[in-house]
Amino acid sequence: MPFSIVRDDIARVSADVLVNAANERLMEGGGVCGAIFAGAGRDRMSEACARIG
């Protein structure tokens, strides 16, 4: 399976998957986690995280 490493603003990267090990509860936090939530839209991210538990 091909993959690539990109050095950029994680909230602006177009990707199928972003992996962030900030917390196991999938709750919004600060730093990288906060940037991902802000980039995706807080409501949208919260709903998606709730669906997968």
Protein backbone atom coordinates (compact mmCIF):
# COMPACT_ATOMS: atom_id res chain seq x y z
CA MET A 1 0.00 0.00 0.00
CA PRO A 2 1.58 3.30 -1.03
CA PHE A 3 1.86 6.14 1.45
CA SER A 4 3.53 9.51 1.60
CA ILE A 5 4.92 11.77 4.26
CA VAL A 6 3.97 15.43 3.97
CA ARG A 7 5.31 18.36 5.93
CA ASP A 8 2.56 20.98 5.96
CA ASP A 9 -0.29 22.42 8.01
CA ILE A 10 -2.21 19.28 9.06
CA ALA A 11 -5.51 21.18 9.03
CA ARG A 12 -5.08 22.04 5.34
CA VAL A 13 -3.77 18.76 3.93
CA SER A 14 -6.08 16.83 1.61
CA ALA A 15 -5.94 13.20 2.72
CA ASP A 16 -8.09 10.12 3.15
CA VAL A 17 -6.90 9.68 6.73
CA LEU A 18 -5.26 11.80 9.42
CA VAL A 19 -3.85 10.01 12.45
CA ASN A 20 -3.49 11.88 15.73
CA ALA A 21 -2.79 10.11 19.00
CA ALA A 22 -3.89 13.05 21.17
CA ASN A 23 -6.45 11.14 23.22
CA GLU A 24 -8.27 7.82 23.10
CA ARG A 25 -11.71 9.35 23.78
CA LEU A 26 -11.78 11.24 20.45
CA MET A 27 -12.57 14.47 22.28
CA GLU A 28 -11.49 17.86 20.98
CA GLY A 29 -8.32 19.17 22.57
CA GLY A 30 -5.66 21.73 21.83
CA GLY A 31 -2.62 21.74 19.59
CA VAL A 32 -2.75 19.34 16.64
CA CYS A 33 -6.08 17.89 17.79
CA GLY A 34 -7.65 21.35 17.96
CA ALA A 35 -6.32 22.21 14.50
CA ILE A 36 -7.86 19.05 13.04
CA PHE A 37 -11.24 19.79 14.65
CA ALA A 38 -11.13 23.41 13.46
CA GLY A 39 -10.13 22.44 9.92
CA ALA A 40 -12.81 19.76 9.57
CA GLY A 41 -15.48 21.73 11.40
CA ARG A 42 -16.09 21.14 15.09
CA ASP A 43 -19.67 19.90 14.76
CA ARG A 44 -18.81 17.60 11.86
CA MET A 45 -15.79 16.13 13.70
CA SER A 46 -17.73 15.67 16.95
CA GLU A 47 -20.51 13.83 15.12
CA ALA A 48 -18.04 11.61 13.24
CA CYS A 49 -16.13 10.76 16.43
CA ALA A 50 -19.38 9.96 18.26
CA ARG A 51 -20.36 7.50 15.49
CA ILE A 52 -17.16 5.49 15.88
CA GLY A 53 -17.13 5.71 19.65
